[in-house]
Amino acid sequence: MTGLKHSFFILVNKKKLQNHVNLSISNHSLSRYFSGVQTFLYLPFMDITQELLKENSRSQAEKIARYVGDDSTRLEELLTYFLKGDVRQTRRSAWAMTICCDNHPKLIKPHLKKLINHLTRTNLHDGVIRNTLRILQFQEIPRTLQGKTINLCFGYLLDKKQAVAIKVLAMSILGNLVKEHPELKNELKIAIEDQLPYESAAFVSRGKKVLSRLNHDSQD
C-alpha cells in the first residue's frame, strides 16, 4: 500500500483489536496486517500540527478531538502542544483539549500534575488558564495536588483584574475542594460575598449556587 497521505483503509481482526494489539503505522506503509478478517475499519491519520494551524474554530477543535478519541498517545501529543507549543498552538489546542476531556474525563487523570504545575507559570494567556480550569472543575484532584490548586484558585478568585470566566471557574473548583477542606469554607464564603455587589451576572449566578451549597453543607 503506497501513496497514502492523509488516511488509509485496513482490515483487522476485531478480537485482536479489542485485545489492544498495537498497530504500527506510517504514512506510506502498514507494518502489520492481520488475517482472520472479521471487521472493516477506517483508521484516519492526522497531522495535529497542521490541523492546529488551519483555523481556530469550534468545528476544527471538534475534528481534532474526534481524532484523539480515547487514545492516550494522541492525547499526550495534543497536550504537548497545549503545554509547550508556540502561542498559536497553545491557544488552539486548548479548545480541543477541553472537548477531549469532556468526552473522556479519565484520559487526563495521569496528566493532572502537569496541568496544575503549568498554571504556576507567569504570563499565561487567559484562554490557557480558562480551559485548564474548565478541565479541572470536573476532575477529582489528588490530595497531593490540592494545596497548590487551592492557592492558585484563591489567587484567581481574589484578583480584581482577573477575567470573570476564570474567577467563576476557580470558584467552582474551590467549591468542590472545600468538601475535603471544610476549614476553608468561611474563607471561600467571604471571598464570594464580598464581590457579589460589584461583579457580573455570571459571577453572581455561580456565586449564589456555590454559597447555597456551602450553606447546605454547613447544616448537615
N, C-alpha and C. Protein backbone atom coordinates (compact mmCIF):
# COMPACT_ATOMS: atom_id res chain seq x y z
N MET A 1 0.85 -1.19 0.00
CA MET A 1 0.00 0.00 0.00
C MET A 1 0.89 1.24 0.00
N THR A 2 0.76 2.07 -0.99
CA THR A 2 1.59 3.27 -1.08
C THR A 2 0.75 4.46 -1.47
N GLY A 3 1.36 5.68 -1.34
CA GLY A 3 0.69 6.89 -1.79
C GLY A 3 -0.39 7.38 -0.86
N LEU A 4 -0.39 6.93 0.40
CA LEU A 4 -1.42 7.36 1.34
C LEU A 4 -0.89 8.54 2.13
N LYS A 5 -1.51 9.71 2.00
CA LYS A 5 -1.01 10.92 2.66
C LYS A 5 -1.82 11.27 3.90
N HIS A 6 -3.12 11.10 3.84
CA HIS A 6 -3.96 11.58 4.93
C HIS A 6 -4.76 10.48 5.61
N SER A 7 -5.04 9.39 4.91
CA SER A 7 -5.87 8.36 5.51
C SER A 7 -5.62 7.05 4.80
N PHE A 8 -6.11 5.96 5.38
CA PHE A 8 -5.95 4.67 4.76
C PHE A 8 -7.01 3.72 5.28
N PHE A 9 -7.19 2.63 4.55
CA PHE A 9 -8.13 1.59 4.95
C PHE A 9 -7.34 0.36 5.35
N ILE A 10 -7.84 -0.32 6.36
CA ILE A 10 -7.17 -1.54 6.80
C ILE A 10 -8.21 -2.51 7.32
N LEU A 11 -8.04 -3.75 6.99
CA LEU A 11 -8.90 -4.79 7.51
C LEU A 11 -8.19 -5.43 8.69
N VAL A 12 -8.85 -5.44 9.83
CA VAL A 12 -8.21 -6.00 11.02
C VAL A 12 -9.15 -6.97 11.70
N ASN A 13 -8.58 -7.85 12.48
CA ASN A 13 -9.33 -8.80 13.26
C ASN A 13 -9.89 -8.08 14.48
N LYS A 14 -11.20 -8.05 14.61
CA LYS A 14 -11.85 -7.30 15.67
C LYS A 14 -11.43 -7.78 17.05
N LYS A 15 -11.32 -9.08 17.22
CA LYS A 15 -10.95 -9.62 18.52
C LYS A 15 -9.55 -9.19 18.90
N LYS A 16 -8.63 -9.23 17.94
CA LYS A 16 -7.27 -8.81 18.24
C LYS A 16 -7.23 -7.33 18.59
N LEU A 17 -8.02 -6.52 17.89
CA LEU A 17 -8.06 -5.10 18.20
C LEU A 17 -8.57 -4.86 19.60
N GLN A 18 -9.60 -5.60 19.99
CA GLN A 18 -10.15 -5.46 21.32
C GLN A 18 -9.18 -5.88 22.40
N ASN A 19 -8.26 -6.74 22.04
CA ASN A 19 -7.22 -7.18 22.99
C ASN A 19 -6.04 -6.21 23.00
N HIS A 20 -6.25 -5.03 22.40
CA HIS A 20 -5.26 -3.94 22.43
C HIS A 20 -3.96 -4.29 21.71
N VAL A 21 -4.06 -5.01 20.60
CA VAL A 21 -2.88 -5.24 19.78
C VAL A 21 -2.53 -3.92 19.10
N ASN A 22 -1.28 -3.48 19.24
CA ASN A 22 -0.87 -2.19 18.70
C ASN A 22 -0.59 -2.28 17.21
N LEU A 23 -1.04 -1.25 16.50
CA LEU A 23 -0.76 -1.13 15.08
C LEU A 23 0.34 -0.10 14.90
N SER A 24 1.42 -0.48 14.26
CA SER A 24 2.49 0.47 13.97
C SER A 24 2.31 0.94 12.54
N ILE A 25 1.96 2.23 12.37
CA ILE A 25 1.51 2.71 11.07
C ILE A 25 2.33 3.92 10.64
N SER A 26 2.74 3.99 9.40
CA SER A 26 3.36 5.16 8.83
C SER A 26 2.46 5.71 7.73
N ASN A 27 2.84 6.86 7.19
CA ASN A 27 2.03 7.46 6.14
C ASN A 27 2.02 6.61 4.87
N HIS A 28 3.09 5.85 4.63
CA HIS A 28 3.24 5.18 3.35
C HIS A 28 3.16 3.66 3.42
N SER A 29 3.10 3.12 4.62
CA SER A 29 3.04 1.66 4.69
C SER A 29 2.41 1.22 5.99
N LEU A 30 2.02 -0.04 6.05
CA LEU A 30 1.49 -0.65 7.25
C LEU A 30 2.47 -1.73 7.67
N SER A 31 2.92 -1.64 8.92
CA SER A 31 3.93 -2.60 9.35
C SER A 31 3.33 -3.92 9.80
N ARG A 32 1.99 -3.94 9.96
CA ARG A 32 1.35 -5.20 10.31
C ARG A 32 0.05 -5.36 9.55
N TYR A 33 -0.25 -6.59 9.24
CA TYR A 33 -1.53 -6.89 8.64
C TYR A 33 -2.06 -8.15 9.29
N PHE A 34 -3.32 -8.08 9.75
CA PHE A 34 -3.92 -9.20 10.45
C PHE A 34 -4.77 -10.04 9.50
N SER A 35 -4.66 -11.36 9.63
CA SER A 35 -5.53 -12.25 8.89
C SER A 35 -6.74 -12.58 9.75
N GLY A 36 -7.63 -13.41 9.24
CA GLY A 36 -8.83 -13.74 10.01
C GLY A 36 -9.75 -12.54 10.10
N VAL A 37 -9.98 -11.88 8.97
CA VAL A 37 -10.73 -10.63 8.98
C VAL A 37 -12.15 -10.83 9.47
N GLN A 38 -12.55 -9.97 10.41
CA GLN A 38 -13.93 -10.01 10.90
C GLN A 38 -14.63 -8.67 10.76
N THR A 39 -13.86 -7.59 10.73
CA THR A 39 -14.46 -6.26 10.73
C THR A 39 -13.70 -5.34 9.79
N PHE A 40 -14.43 -4.42 9.16
CA PHE A 40 -13.81 -3.43 8.29
C PHE A 40 -13.79 -2.10 9.04
N LEU A 41 -12.60 -1.54 9.22
CA LEU A 41 -12.48 -0.28 9.96
C LEU A 41 -11.76 0.76 9.12
N TYR A 42 -12.14 2.01 9.34
CA TYR A 42 -11.43 3.12 8.72
C TYR A 42 -10.63 3.81 9.81
N LEU A 43 -9.31 3.79 9.68
CA LEU A 43 -8.44 4.39 10.67
C LEU A 43 -7.77 5.63 10.08
N PRO A 44 -8.18 6.84 10.48
CA PRO A 44 -7.63 8.05 9.88
C PRO A 44 -6.26 8.40 10.43
N PHE A 45 -5.49 9.10 9.64
CA PHE A 45 -4.23 9.66 10.11
C PHE A 45 -4.36 11.16 10.07
N MET A 46 -3.91 11.83 11.11
CA MET A 46 -4.00 13.28 11.16
C MET A 46 -2.68 13.86 11.65
N ASP A 47 -2.22 14.87 10.97
CA ASP A 47 -1.08 15.64 11.44
C ASP A 47 -1.63 16.77 12.30
N ILE A 48 -1.57 16.59 13.63
CA ILE A 48 -2.18 17.55 14.54
C ILE A 48 -1.56 18.94 14.37
N THR A 49 -0.27 18.98 14.13
CA THR A 49 0.40 20.27 13.95
C THR A 49 -0.24 21.07 12.82
N GLN A 50 -0.46 20.41 11.69
CA GLN A 50 -1.07 21.09 10.55
C GLN A 50 -2.52 21.46 10.82
N GLU A 51 -3.23 20.60 11.50
CA GLU A 51 -4.64 20.88 11.79
C GLU A 51 -4.79 22.08 12.72
N LEU A 52 -3.87 22.24 13.66
CA LEU A 52 -3.93 23.38 14.57
C LEU A 52 -3.69 24.70 13.84
N LEU A 53 -2.94 24.64 12.75
CA LEU A 53 -2.62 25.85 12.00
C LEU A 53 -3.71 26.26 11.02
N LYS A 54 -4.61 25.34 10.72
CA LYS A 54 -5.61 25.60 9.69
C LYS A 54 -6.58 26.71 10.07
N GLU A 55 -7.22 26.58 11.20
CA GLU A 55 -8.20 27.58 11.62
C GLU A 55 -8.49 27.42 13.11
N ASN A 56 -9.02 28.48 13.69
CA ASN A 56 -9.39 28.46 15.10
C ASN A 56 -10.91 28.51 15.20
N SER A 57 -11.53 27.35 15.24
CA SER A 57 -12.99 27.29 15.26
C SER A 57 -13.45 26.09 16.08
N ARG A 58 -14.69 26.13 16.47
CA ARG A 58 -15.27 25.02 17.21
C ARG A 58 -15.25 23.74 16.39
N SER A 59 -15.60 23.85 15.12
CA SER A 59 -15.65 22.66 14.28
C SER A 59 -14.26 22.03 14.12
N GLN A 60 -13.23 22.86 14.03
CA GLN A 60 -11.88 22.33 13.90
C GLN A 60 -11.42 21.67 15.20
N ALA A 61 -11.77 22.29 16.33
CA ALA A 61 -11.44 21.70 17.63
C ALA A 61 -12.13 20.36 17.80
N GLU A 62 -13.38 20.27 17.37
CA GLU A 62 -14.11 19.00 17.46
C GLU A 62 -13.51 17.95 16.54
N LYS A 63 -13.04 18.37 15.38
CA LYS A 63 -12.39 17.44 14.44
C LYS A 63 -11.15 16.83 15.07
N ILE A 64 -10.34 17.65 15.71
CA ILE A 64 -9.12 17.16 16.37
C ILE A 64 -9.49 16.26 17.54
N ALA A 65 -10.51 16.65 18.30
CA ALA A 65 -10.94 15.84 19.45
C ALA A 65 -11.45 14.48 19.01
N ARG A 66 -12.15 14.43 17.87
CA ARG A 66 -12.63 13.14 17.36
C ARG A 66 -11.45 12.25 16.99
N TYR A 67 -10.42 12.85 16.42
CA TYR A 67 -9.24 12.07 16.06
C TYR A 67 -8.56 11.51 17.31
N VAL A 68 -8.44 12.33 18.34
CA VAL A 68 -7.81 11.88 19.59
C VAL A 68 -8.64 10.77 20.23
N GLY A 69 -9.97 10.96 20.28
CA GLY A 69 -10.86 9.95 20.85
C GLY A 69 -10.43 9.59 22.25
N ASP A 70 -10.33 8.28 22.53
CA ASP A 70 -9.89 7.83 23.85
C ASP A 70 -8.48 7.25 23.78
N ASP A 71 -7.71 7.72 22.81
CA ASP A 71 -6.34 7.25 22.62
C ASP A 71 -5.38 8.08 23.48
N SER A 72 -4.76 7.46 24.46
CA SER A 72 -3.89 8.18 25.39
C SER A 72 -2.64 8.75 24.70
N THR A 73 -2.14 8.05 23.70
CA THR A 73 -0.95 8.53 22.99
C THR A 73 -1.26 9.80 22.20
N ARG A 74 -2.42 9.82 21.56
CA ARG A 74 -2.81 11.01 20.81
C ARG A 74 -3.09 12.17 21.75
N LEU A 75 -3.68 11.88 22.92
CA LEU A 75 -3.92 12.95 23.88
C LEU A 75 -2.60 13.54 24.36
N GLU A 76 -1.61 12.71 24.59
CA GLU A 76 -0.30 13.20 25.03
C GLU A 76 0.31 14.12 23.99
N GLU A 77 0.12 13.79 22.71
CA GLU A 77 0.63 14.65 21.65
C GLU A 77 -0.07 16.00 21.68
N LEU A 78 -1.39 15.99 21.82
CA LEU A 78 -2.14 17.24 21.88
C LEU A 78 -1.75 18.04 23.12
N LEU A 79 -1.57 17.34 24.23
CA LEU A 79 -1.19 18.00 25.48
C LEU A 79 0.18 18.68 25.36
N THR A 80 1.07 18.09 24.59
CA THR A 80 2.39 18.69 24.38
C THR A 80 2.27 20.04 23.70
N TYR A 81 1.39 20.15 22.71
CA TYR A 81 1.16 21.44 22.05
C TYR A 81 0.53 22.43 23.02
N PHE A 82 -0.36 21.93 23.87
CA PHE A 82 -1.05 22.78 24.83
C PHE A 82 -0.08 23.36 25.87
N LEU A 83 0.86 22.55 26.32
CA LEU A 83 1.77 22.97 27.38
C LEU A 83 3.07 23.59 26.87
N LYS A 84 3.53 23.13 25.69
CA LYS A 84 4.87 23.52 25.25
C LYS A 84 4.92 24.11 23.84
N GLY A 85 3.77 24.23 23.21
CA GLY A 85 3.77 24.74 21.84
C GLY A 85 3.98 26.24 21.79
N ASP A 86 4.02 26.77 20.57
CA ASP A 86 4.11 28.22 20.43
C ASP A 86 2.75 28.83 20.78
N VAL A 87 2.67 30.14 20.71
CA VAL A 87 1.45 30.83 21.15
C VAL A 87 0.21 30.34 20.40
N ARG A 88 0.32 30.21 19.08
CA ARG A 88 -0.83 29.78 18.29
C ARG A 88 -1.22 28.34 18.62
N GLN A 89 -0.24 27.45 18.71
CA GLN A 89 -0.52 26.05 19.02
C GLN A 89 -1.16 25.90 20.39
N THR A 90 -0.65 26.66 21.35
CA THR A 90 -1.18 26.59 22.72
C THR A 90 -2.63 27.01 22.78
N ARG A 91 -2.93 28.14 22.17
CA ARG A 91 -4.30 28.65 22.22
C ARG A 91 -5.29 27.74 21.49
N ARG A 92 -4.88 27.24 20.34
CA ARG A 92 -5.81 26.45 19.54
C ARG A 92 -5.97 25.03 20.07
N SER A 93 -4.92 24.49 20.66
CA SER A 93 -5.03 23.15 21.22
C SER A 93 -5.87 23.15 22.49
N ALA A 94 -5.96 24.29 23.16
CA ALA A 94 -6.72 24.38 24.42
C ALA A 94 -8.17 23.99 24.22
N TRP A 95 -8.77 24.47 23.14
CA TRP A 95 -10.18 24.19 22.86
C TRP A 95 -10.39 22.69 22.63
N ALA A 96 -9.52 22.10 21.83
CA ALA A 96 -9.63 20.67 21.56
C ALA A 96 -9.41 19.84 22.82
N MET A 97 -8.50 20.30 23.67
CA MET A 97 -8.22 19.60 24.93
C MET A 97 -9.46 19.52 25.81
N THR A 98 -10.18 20.61 25.94
CA THR A 98 -11.37 20.60 26.79
C THR A 98 -12.44 19.66 26.25
N ILE A 99 -12.58 19.62 24.93
CA ILE A 99 -13.56 18.72 24.33
C ILE A 99 -13.16 17.26 24.58
N CYS A 100 -11.87 16.97 24.41
CA CYS A 100 -11.38 15.61 24.68
C CYS A 100 -11.67 15.20 26.12
N CYS A 101 -11.42 16.10 27.05
CA CYS A 101 -11.60 15.78 28.47
C CYS A 101 -13.08 15.70 28.85
N ASP A 102 -13.92 16.46 28.14
CA ASP A 102 -15.37 16.34 28.37
C ASP A 102 -15.85 14.96 27.91
N ASN A 103 -15.33 14.51 26.77
CA ASN A 103 -15.76 13.23 26.22
C ASN A 103 -15.15 12.03 26.93
N HIS A 104 -13.92 12.19 27.41
CA HIS A 104 -13.20 11.08 28.06
C HIS A 104 -12.47 11.60 29.30
N PRO A 105 -13.20 11.87 30.38
CA PRO A 105 -12.61 12.51 31.58
C PRO A 105 -11.43 11.74 32.17
N LYS A 106 -11.46 10.43 32.09
CA LYS A 106 -10.40 9.63 32.72
C LYS A 106 -9.07 9.74 31.98
N LEU A 107 -9.13 10.18 30.74
CA LEU A 107 -7.93 10.21 29.91
C LEU A 107 -6.89 11.21 30.42
N ILE A 108 -7.35 12.27 31.08
CA ILE A 108 -6.44 13.33 31.52
C ILE A 108 -5.89 13.08 32.92
N LYS A 109 -6.42 12.13 33.63
CA LYS A 109 -6.03 11.91 35.03
C LYS A 109 -4.52 11.76 35.22
N PRO A 110 -3.81 11.00 34.37
CA PRO A 110 -2.36 10.86 34.58
C PRO A 110 -1.59 12.17 34.37
N HIS A 111 -2.26 13.19 33.81
CA HIS A 111 -1.57 14.43 33.45
C HIS A 111 -2.01 15.62 34.30
N LEU A 112 -2.77 15.38 35.36
CA LEU A 112 -3.27 16.49 36.18
C LEU A 112 -2.13 17.29 36.82
N LYS A 113 -1.09 16.60 37.23
CA LYS A 113 0.05 17.30 37.84
C LYS A 113 0.68 18.27 36.85
N LYS A 114 0.82 17.84 35.60
CA LYS A 114 1.38 18.71 34.56
C LYS A 114 0.51 19.95 34.36
N LEU A 115 -0.80 19.74 34.31
CA LEU A 115 -1.71 20.85 34.09
C LEU A 115 -1.64 21.86 35.23
N ILE A 116 -1.67 21.36 36.45
CA ILE A 116 -1.67 22.25 37.62
C ILE A 116 -0.34 22.98 37.74
N ASN A 117 0.75 22.28 37.53
CA ASN A 117 2.06 22.94 37.58
C ASN A 117 2.19 24.00 36.49
N HIS A 118 1.58 23.74 35.35
CA HIS A 118 1.64 24.70 34.25
C HIS A 118 0.98 26.02 34.63
N LEU A 119 -0.03 25.97 35.47
CA LEU A 119 -0.73 27.18 35.89
C LEU A 119 0.15 28.10 36.74
N THR A 120 1.22 27.59 37.27
CA THR A 120 2.12 28.42 38.09
C THR A 120 3.02 29.30 37.24
N ARG A 121 3.04 29.06 35.93
CA ARG A 121 3.87 29.88 35.05
C ARG A 121 3.29 31.29 34.91
N THR A 122 4.17 32.23 34.69
CA THR A 122 3.72 33.61 34.53
C THR A 122 3.38 33.89 33.07
N ASN A 123 2.58 34.92 32.87
CA ASN A 123 2.23 35.40 31.53
C ASN A 123 1.49 34.37 30.68
N LEU A 124 0.71 33.51 31.33
CA LEU A 124 -0.11 32.58 30.57
C LEU A 124 -1.28 33.32 29.94
N HIS A 125 -1.65 32.91 28.73
CA HIS A 125 -2.80 33.51 28.07
C HIS A 125 -4.07 33.13 28.83
N ASP A 126 -5.03 34.05 28.88
CA ASP A 126 -6.28 33.79 29.59
C ASP A 126 -6.96 32.52 29.11
N GLY A 127 -6.87 32.26 27.80
CA GLY A 127 -7.52 31.08 27.25
C GLY A 127 -6.93 29.79 27.79
N VAL A 128 -5.63 29.79 28.03
CA VAL A 128 -4.97 28.61 28.58
C VAL A 128 -5.42 28.38 30.03
N ILE A 129 -5.44 29.47 30.80
CA ILE A 129 -5.90 29.36 32.20
C ILE A 129 -7.35 28.91 32.24
N ARG A 130 -8.18 29.54 31.44
CA ARG A 130 -9.61 29.25 31.44
C ARG A 130 -9.88 27.79 31.07
N ASN A 131 -9.26 27.31 30.02
CA ASN A 131 -9.51 25.94 29.59
C ASN A 131 -8.92 24.92 30.54
N THR A 132 -7.80 25.24 31.17
CA THR A 132 -7.24 24.34 32.18
C THR A 132 -8.18 24.22 33.38
N LEU A 133 -8.69 25.35 33.84
CA LEU A 133 -9.63 25.32 34.97
C LEU A 133 -10.93 24.60 34.59
N ARG A 134 -11.35 24.78 33.35
CA ARG A 134 -12.57 24.10 32.91
C ARG A 134 -12.39 22.58 32.96
N ILE A 135 -11.19 22.11 32.65
CA ILE A 135 -10.90 20.68 32.76
C ILE A 135 -10.87 20.26 34.23
N LEU A 136 -10.22 21.05 35.06
CA LEU A 136 -10.03 20.69 36.47
C LEU A 136 -11.34 20.68 37.26
N GLN A 137 -12.31 21.49 36.87
CA GLN A 137 -13.54 21.56 37.65
C GLN A 137 -14.34 20.26 37.62
N PHE A 138 -14.05 19.40 36.63
CA PHE A 138 -14.77 18.13 36.54
C PHE A 138 -13.89 16.94 36.92
N GLN A 139 -12.73 17.23 37.49
CA GLN A 139 -11.80 16.17 37.88
C GLN A 139 -11.73 16.02 39.39
N GLU A 140 -11.45 14.80 39.82
CA GLU A 140 -11.18 14.56 41.24
C GLU A 140 -9.68 14.77 41.43
N ILE A 141 -9.32 15.90 42.01
CA ILE A 141 -7.92 16.28 42.12
C ILE A 141 -7.25 15.51 43.25
N PRO A 142 -6.13 14.87 42.97
CA PRO A 142 -5.44 14.08 44.01
C PRO A 142 -5.07 14.94 45.23
N ARG A 143 -5.07 14.31 46.37
CA ARG A 143 -4.79 15.02 47.62
C ARG A 143 -3.45 15.77 47.56
N THR A 144 -2.46 15.16 46.93
CA THR A 144 -1.13 15.76 46.87
C THR A 144 -1.10 17.05 46.04
N LEU A 145 -2.10 17.26 45.20
CA LEU A 145 -2.14 18.45 44.36
C LEU A 145 -3.17 19.47 44.82
N GLN A 146 -3.91 19.14 45.85
CA GLN A 146 -5.00 20.01 46.28
C GLN A 146 -4.51 21.33 46.87
N GLY A 147 -3.44 21.29 47.64
CA GLY A 147 -2.93 22.52 48.25
C GLY A 147 -2.54 23.55 47.20
N LYS A 148 -1.80 23.12 46.20
CA LYS A 148 -1.38 24.02 45.13
C LYS A 148 -2.58 24.53 44.35
N THR A 149 -3.54 23.64 44.10
CA THR A 149 -4.74 24.04 43.36
C THR A 149 -5.55 25.07 44.14
N ILE A 150 -5.68 24.86 45.43
CA ILE A 150 -6.42 25.81 46.28
C ILE A 150 -5.76 27.18 46.25
N ASN A 151 -4.46 27.22 46.39
CA ASN A 151 -3.75 28.50 46.37
C ASN A 151 -3.92 29.22 45.04
N LEU A 152 -3.80 28.47 43.95
CA LEU A 152 -3.97 29.07 42.62
C LEU A 152 -5.38 29.63 42.44
N CYS A 153 -6.37 28.84 42.84
CA CYS A 153 -7.76 29.25 42.62
C CYS A 153 -8.17 30.43 43.50
N PHE A 154 -7.70 30.48 44.73
CA PHE A 154 -7.97 31.65 45.56
C PHE A 154 -7.29 32.88 44.95
N GLY A 155 -6.10 32.69 44.39
CA GLY A 155 -5.42 33.80 43.73
C GLY A 155 -6.23 34.35 42.57
N TYR A 156 -6.80 33.47 41.76
CA TYR A 156 -7.64 33.91 40.64
C TYR A 156 -8.91 34.58 41.15
N LEU A 157 -9.52 33.98 42.14
CA LEU A 157 -10.80 34.48 42.65
C LEU A 157 -10.67 35.88 43.26
N LEU A 158 -9.58 36.13 43.94
CA LEU A 158 -9.40 37.40 44.65
C LEU A 158 -8.75 38.49 43.80
N ASP A 159 -8.31 38.13 42.61
CA ASP A 159 -7.65 39.10 41.73
C ASP A 159 -8.70 39.98 41.04
N LYS A 160 -8.72 41.25 41.38
CA LYS A 160 -9.73 42.15 40.84
C LYS A 160 -9.59 42.35 39.33
N LYS A 161 -8.40 42.11 38.80
CA LYS A 161 -8.17 42.32 37.38
C LYS A 161 -8.39 41.05 36.56
N GLN A 162 -8.70 39.95 37.23
CA GLN A 162 -8.84 38.67 36.55
C GLN A 162 -10.14 38.61 35.75
N ALA A 163 -10.10 37.90 34.64
CA ALA A 163 -11.30 37.73 33.80
C ALA A 163 -12.38 37.01 34.58
N VAL A 164 -13.63 37.41 34.36
CA VAL A 164 -14.76 36.84 35.10
C VAL A 164 -14.86 35.33 34.91
N ALA A 165 -14.68 34.87 33.68
CA ALA A 165 -14.80 33.43 33.41
C ALA A 165 -13.80 32.63 34.23
N ILE A 166 -12.60 33.15 34.40
CA ILE A 166 -11.57 32.47 35.18
C ILE A 166 -11.94 32.47 36.66
N LYS A 167 -12.45 33.59 37.15
CA LYS A 167 -12.86 33.68 38.56
C LYS A 167 -14.01 32.71 38.85
N VAL A 168 -14.94 32.60 37.92
CA VAL A 168 -16.08 31.71 38.09
C VAL A 168 -15.63 30.25 38.15
N LEU A 169 -14.73 29.88 37.27
CA LEU A 169 -14.22 28.51 37.26
C LEU A 169 -13.41 28.21 38.52
N ALA A 170 -12.61 29.16 38.94
CA ALA A 170 -11.83 28.99 40.17
C ALA A 170 -12.75 28.80 41.36
N MET A 171 -13.82 29.56 41.39
CA MET A 171 -14.82 29.45 42.45
C MET A 171 -15.43 28.05 42.50
N SER A 172 -15.74 27.51 41.34
CA SER A 172 -16.34 26.18 41.26
C SER A 172 -15.38 25.11 41.77
N ILE A 173 -14.12 25.22 41.39
CA ILE A 173 -13.12 24.24 41.84
C ILE A 173 -12.96 24.31 43.36
N LEU A 174 -12.92 25.52 43.89
CA LEU A 174 -12.82 25.68 45.34
C LEU A 174 -14.05 25.11 46.04
N GLY A 175 -15.21 25.30 45.41
CA GLY A 175 -16.43 24.73 45.97
C GLY A 175 -16.38 23.22 46.05
N ASN A 176 -15.70 22.60 45.08
CA ASN A 176 -15.53 21.15 45.10
C ASN A 176 -14.53 20.72 46.18
N LEU A 177 -13.43 21.46 46.27
CA LEU A 177 -12.35 21.06 47.18
C LEU A 177 -12.66 21.34 48.65
N VAL A 178 -13.56 22.27 48.89
CA VAL A 178 -13.86 22.61 50.28
C VAL A 178 -14.54 21.45 51.01
N LYS A 179 -15.06 20.51 50.24
CA LYS A 179 -15.67 19.32 50.86
C LYS A 179 -14.62 18.52 51.63
N GLU A 180 -13.39 18.52 51.10
CA GLU A 180 -12.30 17.82 51.77
C GLU A 180 -11.51 18.74 52.69
N HIS A 181 -11.76 20.04 52.58
CA HIS A 181 -11.06 21.02 53.42
C HIS A 181 -12.10 21.97 54.03
N PRO A 182 -12.93 21.49 54.92
CA PRO A 182 -14.00 22.31 55.49
C PRO A 182 -13.51 23.56 56.22
N GLU A 183 -12.24 23.56 56.61
CA GLU A 183 -11.69 24.73 57.30
C GLU A 183 -11.61 25.95 56.37
N LEU A 184 -11.74 25.73 55.06
CA LEU A 184 -11.67 26.83 54.10
C LEU A 184 -13.05 27.37 53.73
N LYS A 185 -14.08 26.79 54.31
CA LYS A 185 -15.45 27.15 53.92
C LYS A 185 -15.75 28.62 54.17
N ASN A 186 -15.43 29.11 55.37
CA ASN A 186 -15.72 30.51 55.69
C ASN A 186 -14.91 31.47 54.82
N GLU A 187 -13.66 31.12 54.56
CA GLU A 187 -12.82 31.96 53.71
C GLU A 187 -13.40 32.06 52.31
N LEU A 188 -13.90 30.96 51.79
CA LEU A 188 -14.48 30.97 50.46
C LEU A 188 -15.78 31.77 50.44
N LYS A 189 -16.60 31.61 51.47
CA LYS A 189 -17.86 32.36 51.54
C LYS A 189 -17.60 33.86 51.56
N ILE A 190 -16.64 34.29 52.35
CA ILE A 190 -16.31 35.71 52.43
C ILE A 190 -15.79 36.23 51.10
N ALA A 191 -14.94 35.45 50.45
CA ALA A 191 -14.37 35.85 49.16
C ALA A 191 -15.46 36.05 48.11
N ILE A 192 -16.48 35.21 48.14
CA ILE A 192 -17.58 35.32 47.18
C ILE A 192 -18.51 36.47 47.55
N GLU A 193 -18.93 36.50 48.81
CA GLU A 193 -19.91 37.51 49.26
C GLU A 193 -19.38 38.93 49.10
N ASP A 194 -18.10 39.13 49.33
CA ASP A 194 -17.53 40.47 49.21
C ASP A 194 -17.56 40.99 47.78
N GLN A 195 -17.62 40.09 46.80
CA GLN A 195 -17.57 40.51 45.40
C GLN A 195 -18.94 40.55 44.73
N LEU A 196 -19.94 39.97 45.35
CA LEU A 196 -21.26 39.90 44.72
C LEU A 196 -21.82 41.27 44.30
N PRO A 197 -21.68 42.33 45.12
CA PRO A 197 -22.28 43.62 44.72
C PRO A 197 -21.60 44.27 43.51
N TYR A 198 -20.41 43.84 43.17
CA TYR A 198 -19.63 44.54 42.15
C TYR A 198 -19.37 43.71 40.89
N GLU A 199 -19.68 42.44 40.94
CA GLU A 199 -19.31 41.57 39.83
C GLU A 199 -20.43 41.41 38.80
N SER A 200 -20.12 40.70 37.74
CA SER A 200 -21.05 40.50 36.63
C SER A 200 -22.15 39.50 36.99
N ALA A 201 -23.13 39.42 36.09
CA ALA A 201 -24.25 38.50 36.30
C ALA A 201 -23.77 37.06 36.36
N ALA A 202 -22.79 36.72 35.54
CA ALA A 202 -22.26 35.35 35.52
C ALA A 202 -21.62 35.00 36.85
N PHE A 203 -20.87 35.93 37.41
CA PHE A 203 -20.23 35.70 38.71
C PHE A 203 -21.28 35.55 39.80
N VAL A 204 -22.26 36.45 39.79
CA VAL A 204 -23.31 36.43 40.81
C VAL A 204 -24.09 35.12 40.75
N SER A 205 -24.43 34.68 39.55
CA SER A 205 -25.19 33.44 39.39
C SER A 205 -24.42 32.25 39.95
N ARG A 206 -23.16 32.11 39.55
CA ARG A 206 -22.36 30.99 40.05
C ARG A 206 -22.08 31.15 41.55
N GLY A 207 -21.85 32.38 41.98
CA GLY A 207 -21.56 32.63 43.39
C GLY A 207 -22.71 32.21 44.29
N LYS A 208 -23.91 32.52 43.88
CA LYS A 208 -25.08 32.15 44.68
C LYS A 208 -25.26 30.64 44.75
N LYS A 209 -24.95 29.96 43.66
CA LYS A 209 -25.05 28.50 43.66
C LYS A 209 -24.03 27.87 44.61
N VAL A 210 -22.79 28.38 44.56
CA VAL A 210 -21.75 27.85 45.44
C VAL A 210 -22.07 28.16 46.89
N LEU A 211 -22.54 29.38 47.16
CA LEU A 211 -22.90 29.75 48.54
C LEU A 211 -24.05 28.89 49.06
N SER A 212 -25.03 28.64 48.21
CA SER A 212 -26.15 27.80 48.61
C SER A 212 -25.68 26.41 49.00
N ARG A 213 -24.75 25.87 48.22
CA ARG A 213 -24.22 24.55 48.51
C ARG A 213 -23.40 24.56 49.81
N LEU A 214 -22.63 25.61 50.00
CA LEU A 214 -21.83 25.72 51.22
C LEU A 214 -22.71 25.81 52.45
N ASN A 215 -23.78 26.61 52.34
CA ASN A 215 -24.70 26.76 53.48
C ASN A 215 -25.44 25.46 53.77
N HIS A 216 -25.81 24.76 52.70
CA HIS A 216 -26.50 23.48 52.87
C HIS A 216 -25.60 22.47 53.54
N ASP A 217 -24.33 22.43 53.12
CA ASP A 217 -23.38 21.50 53.71
C ASP A 217 -23.14 21.81 55.19
N SER A 218 -23.21 23.10 55.54
CA SER A 218 -22.99 23.50 56.93
C SER A 218 -24.09 23.00 57.84
N GLN A 219 -25.30 22.82 57.28
CA GLN A 219 -26.44 22.37 58.07
C GLN A 219 -26.46 20.87 58.28
N ASP A 220 -25.71 20.15 57.43
CA ASP A 220 -25.70 18.69 57.54
C ASP A 220 -24.86 18.21 58.73
